[in-house]
């Protein structure tokens, strides 16, 4: 599983560039690594991590999250679904498929990947595939939106997309974030479209045009509170050079480290996106 509470390389950069002596660096992992990240349903992954987080004394007063790739959907599940969990202050997303992906990348080499690649080519919205292939839980084929909303077992719920089933609690929890940092990688070939890392996606029914986050209904109708956070100046849309989750050290220091201070009161100065006036706490 790729969810990390703090990336290990950040620890190296933090110690060099900052004096954050109270910073706790924790990496949550479970199961069989790559195998479970591919074959365990995302809701199950989220439930396991939720229970682990609730049992960690170090996190009881709150914590910050750095999510990588698919792990970002588990990270958001912690924020939206983890009832009774500790609060999340700052959430940094590195190449997260937040609006879904229009195609599933091939797994790679080895016997497990051979199985995964065969499943990918099957009926992706069938119960069997949804229960046994994690990427199927956020595959969003624009020309099959009705099937996606009806059969996909994770992302429609996470994004509050299903009409008449939108949960205000998920939105309330998501908008409690102090900062949301969305990092898109300019040479990313895994997240398709790349703008999914910023909540951008295609219009329902076609693969063109590609909508920015601000043009989607998720944003304009504020299904999960992204617009609310953005209007409050709490969302940072960051674009960096590099392939999928290959982030230069200087970019880590610039865009990740400042949001790792383990204190709820830490916030950069915030501005109203429309008026550019400073917002009061």
Protein backbone atom coordinates (compact mmCIF):
# COMPACT_ATOMS: atom_id res chain seq x y z
CA UNK A 1 0.00 0.00 0.00
CA UNK A 2 1.33 3.44 -0.93
CA UNK A 3 -0.24 5.60 1.75
CA UNK A 4 2.42 7.21 3.90
CA UNK A 5 1.84 9.60 6.75
CA UNK A 6 5.17 11.17 5.92
CA UNK A 7 7.49 10.34 3.04
CA UNK A 8 10.80 9.02 4.33
CA UNK A 9 12.86 11.29 2.09
CA UNK A 10 11.10 14.27 3.65
CA UNK A 11 12.64 13.25 6.95
CA UNK A 12 16.08 13.76 5.45
CA UNK A 13 15.15 17.13 3.96
CA UNK A 14 13.40 18.26 7.13
CA UNK A 15 16.39 17.54 9.31
CA UNK A 16 18.59 19.53 6.96
CA UNK A 17 16.41 22.56 6.39
CA UNK A 18 14.15 22.95 9.40
CA UNK A 19 14.23 22.71 13.14
CA UNK A 20 11.10 20.69 13.81
CA UNK A 21 12.17 18.74 16.84
CA UNK A 22 8.62 17.69 17.76
CA UNK A 23 7.84 16.30 14.31
CA UNK A 24 6.82 12.64 14.45
CA UNK A 25 7.51 10.73 11.23
CA UNK A 26 5.33 7.67 10.86
CA UNK A 27 4.83 5.28 7.96
CA UNK A 28 1.71 3.12 8.05
CA UNK A 29 1.89 -0.12 6.12
CA UNK A 30 -0.01 -3.39 6.24
CA UNK A 31 -0.47 -6.67 4.44
CA UNK A 32 1.70 -7.78 1.54
CA UNK A 33 2.70 -4.44 0.05
CA UNK A 34 2.24 -4.34 -3.71
CA UNK A 35 -0.01 -7.40 -3.69
CA UNK A 36 -2.58 -5.87 -1.36
CA UNK A 37 -2.33 -2.46 -3.01
CA UNK A 38 -3.50 -4.11 -6.23
CA UNK A 39 -5.87 -6.82 -5.00
CA UNK A 40 -7.41 -5.55 -1.74
CA UNK A 41 -10.50 -3.31 -2.26
CA UNK A 42 -9.88 0.29 -1.28
CA UNK A 43 -12.67 0.35 1.28
CA UNK A 44 -11.03 -2.58 3.07
CA UNK A 45 -7.66 -0.83 2.93
CA UNK A 46 -9.25 2.29 4.40
CA UNK A 47 -10.93 0.37 7.21
CA UNK A 48 -7.65 -1.29 8.21
CA UNK A 49 -5.70 1.98 8.23
CA UNK A 50 -8.52 3.75 10.08
CA UNK A 51 -8.30 1.24 12.93
CA UNK A 52 -4.52 1.51 13.03
CA UNK A 53 -4.63 5.30 13.18
CA UNK A 54 -7.20 5.29 15.98
CA UNK A 55 -4.93 3.04 18.06
CA UNK A 56 -1.83 5.21 17.69
CA UNK A 57 -1.35 7.37 20.76
CA UNK A 58 1.00 9.69 18.87
CA UNK A 59 -1.84 10.81 16.61
CA UNK A 60 -4.62 11.41 19.13
CA UNK A 61 -4.29 15.19 19.00
CA UNK A 62 -4.19 15.23 15.21
CA UNK A 63 -1.73 14.69 12.41
CA UNK A 64 -0.77 15.53 8.82
CA UNK A 65 -0.87 13.21 5.81
CA UNK A 66 1.30 12.83 2.74
CA UNK A 67 -0.36 10.52 0.22
CA UNK A 68 1.25 8.99 -2.87
CA UNK A 69 -0.60 7.92 -6.01
CA UNK A 70 -3.41 5.44 -5.24
CA UNK A 71 -2.67 5.83 -1.54
CA UNK A 72 -4.28 9.26 -1.74
CA UNK A 73 -7.70 7.67 -2.05
CA UNK A 74 -7.08 5.78 1.17
CA UNK A 75 -5.83 9.02 2.73
CA UNK A 76 -9.05 10.78 1.76
CA UNK A 77 -10.98 7.80 3.09
CA UNK A 78 -9.28 8.40 6.44
CA UNK A 79 -10.45 11.99 6.36
CA UNK A 80 -14.02 11.37 5.18
CA UNK A 81 -14.92 7.86 6.40
CA UNK A 82 -12.89 7.22 9.57
CA UNK A 83 -15.49 7.76 12.29
CA UNK A 84 -13.89 8.55 15.63
CA UNK A 85 -10.44 9.00 14.15
CA UNK A 86 -8.08 11.83 15.11
CA UNK A 87 -8.31 15.07 13.12
CA UNK A 88 -6.17 15.65 10.04
CA UNK A 89 -4.68 19.14 9.85
CA UNK A 90 -2.80 19.31 6.56
CA UNK A 91 -3.11 16.90 3.66
CA UNK A 92 -0.49 16.80 0.91
CA UNK A 93 -1.44 14.76 -2.15
CA UNK A 94 1.27 13.61 -4.56
CA UNK A 95 -0.19 12.46 -7.90
CA UNK A 96 -3.54 11.41 -6.48
CA UNK A 97 -6.22 10.07 -8.88
CA UNK A 98 -8.87 12.12 -7.08
CA UNK A 99 -11.33 12.42 -9.96
CA UNK A 100 -10.59 8.90 -11.18
CA UNK A 101 -8.60 7.52 -14.09
CA UNK A 102 -9.89 6.78 -17.58
CA UNK A 103 -7.58 3.80 -18.05
CA UNK A 104 -5.79 1.45 -15.67
CA UNK A 105 -2.00 1.26 -16.11
CA UNK A 106 -0.49 -2.18 -16.52
CA UNK A 107 0.93 -3.60 -13.32
CA UNK A 108 4.38 -4.59 -14.59
CA UNK A 109 6.23 -7.89 -14.49
CA UNK A 110 5.77 -11.06 -12.44
CA UNK A 111 3.01 -13.59 -11.84
CA UNK A 112 0.89 -11.25 -9.71
CA UNK A 113 1.01 -8.58 -12.39
CA UNK A 114 0.01 -11.10 -15.02
CA UNK A 115 -3.12 -11.80 -12.98
CA UNK A 116 -3.78 -8.09 -12.46
CA UNK A 117 -3.38 -7.31 -16.15
CA UNK A 118 -5.86 -10.05 -17.09
CA UNK A 119 -8.39 -8.70 -14.59
CA UNK A 120 -7.96 -5.19 -16.01
CA UNK A 121 -9.04 -6.45 -19.41
CA UNK A 122 -12.19 -8.05 -17.92
CA UNK A 123 -15.54 -6.42 -17.06
CA UNK A 124 -14.14 -3.72 -14.81
CA UNK A 125 -17.45 -2.83 -13.13
CA UNK A 126 -18.46 -6.41 -12.27
CA UNK A 127 -18.73 -7.31 -8.60
CA UNK A 128 -15.87 -9.80 -8.92
CA UNK A 129 -13.42 -7.26 -10.36
CA UNK A 130 -14.53 -4.52 -7.95
CA UNK A 131 -13.91 -6.89 -5.03
CA UNK A 132 -10.53 -8.14 -6.24
CA UNK A 133 -8.77 -5.32 -8.09
CA UNK A 134 -8.17 -2.06 -6.22
CA UNK A 135 -7.63 0.22 -9.29
CA UNK A 136 -11.08 -0.79 -10.55
CA UNK A 137 -12.50 1.11 -7.57
CA UNK A 138 -11.50 4.44 -9.14
CA UNK A 139 -11.61 3.67 -12.85
CA UNK A 140 -14.06 6.17 -14.31
CA UNK A 141 -14.88 5.60 -17.97
CA UNK A 142 -16.58 8.80 -19.22
CA UNK A 143 -18.77 6.90 -21.69
CA UNK A 144 -20.00 4.51 -18.97
CA UNK A 145 -20.92 6.97 -16.23
CA UNK A 146 -24.20 5.29 -15.24
CA UNK A 147 -22.47 1.95 -14.80
CA UNK A 148 -19.66 3.65 -12.87
CA UNK A 149 -22.08 5.34 -10.45
CA UNK A 150 -24.03 2.14 -9.95
CA UNK A 151 -21.25 -0.44 -9.76
CA UNK A 152 -18.01 1.23 -8.70
CA UNK A 153 -17.50 0.51 -5.00
CA UNK A 154 -15.33 3.36 -3.79
CA UNK A 155 -14.75 6.58 -5.71
CA UNK A 156 -18.41 7.55 -6.29
CA UNK A 157 -18.93 7.40 -2.53
CA UNK A 158 -15.66 9.19 -1.74
CA UNK A 159 -16.51 12.03 -4.13
CA UNK A 160 -20.18 12.24 -3.09
CA UNK A 161 -21.15 11.71 -6.74
CA UNK A 162 -24.26 9.57 -6.35
CA UNK A 163 -27.44 11.68 -6.59
CA UNK A 164 -29.70 11.46 -3.53
CA UNK A 165 -26.93 9.73 -1.56
CA UNK A 166 -24.62 12.65 -0.88
CA UNK A 167 -23.37 12.62 2.70
CA UNK A 168 -22.91 15.98 4.42
CA UNK A 169 -20.63 14.37 7.02
CA UNK A 170 -18.02 13.54 4.38
CA UNK A 171 -18.07 17.15 3.22
CA UNK A 172 -17.88 18.46 6.77
CA UNK A 173 -14.85 16.31 7.55
CA UNK A 174 -13.06 17.24 4.33
CA UNK A 175 -13.61 20.97 4.81
CA UNK A 176 -12.10 20.73 8.30
CA UNK A 177 -8.65 20.56 6.69
CA UNK A 178 -6.38 23.49 7.37
CA UNK A 179 -4.49 23.04 4.10
CA UNK A 180 -4.95 20.84 1.03
CA UNK A 181 -1.91 20.62 -1.25
CA UNK A 182 -2.58 18.96 -4.63
CA UNK A 183 0.61 18.13 -6.51
CA UNK A 184 0.42 17.22 -10.21
CA UNK A 185 3.44 15.78 -12.04
CA UNK A 186 3.96 17.22 -15.53
CA UNK A 187 5.34 13.99 -17.04
CA UNK A 188 2.92 11.64 -15.29
CA UNK A 189 1.88 8.74 -17.53
CA UNK A 190 0.12 6.77 -14.78
CA UNK A 191 -2.62 9.21 -13.77
CA UNK A 192 -4.77 9.67 -16.89
CA UNK A 193 -5.79 12.42 -17.19
CA UNK A 194 -3.04 14.17 -15.23
CA UNK A 195 -5.51 16.82 -14.07
CA UNK A 196 -7.23 14.20 -11.93
CA UNK A 197 -4.50 15.04 -9.41
CA UNK A 198 -6.23 18.45 -9.20
CA UNK A 199 -9.78 16.96 -9.34
CA UNK A 200 -10.07 17.74 -13.06
CA UNK A 201 -11.68 15.20 -15.41
CA UNK A 202 -13.58 14.68 -18.65
CA UNK A 203 -17.15 15.72 -19.14
CA UNK A 204 -19.67 12.90 -18.62
CA UNK A 205 -20.23 10.96 -21.83
CA UNK A 206 -17.03 11.79 -23.74
CA UNK A 207 -13.26 11.86 -23.51
CA UNK A 208 -13.20 15.51 -24.62
CA UNK A 209 -13.03 18.19 -23.44
CA UNK A 210 -10.93 17.87 -20.32
CA UNK A 211 -12.46 19.99 -17.56
CA UNK A 212 -10.46 21.79 -14.93
CA UNK A 213 -11.43 21.12 -11.33
CA UNK A 214 -13.28 24.44 -11.22
CA UNK A 215 -15.42 23.40 -14.22
CA UNK A 216 -16.62 20.10 -12.76
CA UNK A 217 -19.91 19.62 -10.94
CA UNK A 218 -17.99 18.21 -7.99
CA UNK A 219 -16.51 21.68 -7.59
CA UNK A 220 -19.35 23.98 -8.69
CA UNK A 221 -21.94 22.07 -6.64
CA UNK A 222 -19.38 21.57 -3.85
CA UNK A 223 -20.11 17.88 -3.29
CA UNK A 224 -17.17 17.29 -0.93
CA UNK A 225 -16.30 20.88 0.00
CA UNK A 226 -13.44 21.44 -2.45
CA UNK A 227 -14.89 24.78 -3.49
CA UNK A 228 -15.39 25.77 0.14
CA UNK A 229 -11.74 25.04 0.89
CA UNK A 230 -10.61 26.80 -2.27
CA UNK A 231 -12.66 29.93 -1.58
CA UNK A 232 -11.04 30.06 1.86
CA UNK A 233 -7.58 29.97 0.30
CA UNK A 234 -6.80 26.55 1.75
CA UNK A 235 -6.16 24.68 -1.53
CA UNK A 236 -2.77 24.81 -3.24
CA UNK A 237 -2.71 23.59 -6.85
CA UNK A 238 0.93 22.69 -7.49
CA UNK A 239 2.51 21.51 -10.74
CA UNK A 240 6.04 20.09 -10.68
CA UNK A 241 8.38 18.61 -13.27
CA UNK A 242 8.87 14.86 -13.16
CA UNK A 243 7.32 11.49 -13.87
CA UNK A 244 4.78 9.80 -11.60
CA UNK A 245 5.68 10.58 -7.93
CA UNK A 246 9.28 11.37 -8.93
CA UNK A 247 9.70 14.60 -7.00
CA UNK A 248 12.84 16.69 -6.83
CA UNK A 249 14.22 17.28 -3.35
CA UNK A 250 13.87 21.04 -3.69
CA UNK A 251 10.19 20.62 -4.56
CA UNK A 252 9.73 18.40 -1.50
CA UNK A 253 11.21 21.13 0.67
CA UNK A 254 9.12 23.84 -1.00
CA UNK A 255 5.72 22.17 -1.27
CA UNK A 256 5.67 19.38 1.33
CA UNK A 257 7.83 20.24 4.33
CA UNK A 258 6.04 23.49 5.28
CA UNK A 259 2.83 21.54 5.92
CA UNK A 260 4.33 18.85 8.14
CA UNK A 261 4.44 20.76 11.38
CA UNK A 262 2.47 18.78 13.91
CA UNK A 263 0.44 21.68 15.20
CA UNK A 264 -3.17 22.55 14.32
CA UNK A 265 -2.56 26.28 14.36
CA UNK A 266 0.00 26.20 11.54
CA UNK A 267 -1.34 27.87 8.43
CA UNK A 268 0.18 30.00 5.74
CA UNK A 269 -1.42 33.39 5.11
CA UNK A 270 -4.70 32.75 3.26
CA UNK A 271 -6.34 34.86 0.59
CA UNK A 272 -9.77 35.01 -0.98
CA UNK A 273 -9.22 33.75 -4.55
CA UNK A 274 -11.61 36.34 -5.98
CA UNK A 275 -10.87 39.51 -4.01
CA UNK A 276 -7.27 38.63 -3.04
CA UNK A 277 -8.00 40.04 0.42
CA UNK A 278 -6.40 38.39 3.42
CA UNK A 279 -8.75 36.06 5.27
CA UNK A 280 -8.97 36.16 9.04
CA UNK A 281 -8.65 32.87 10.99
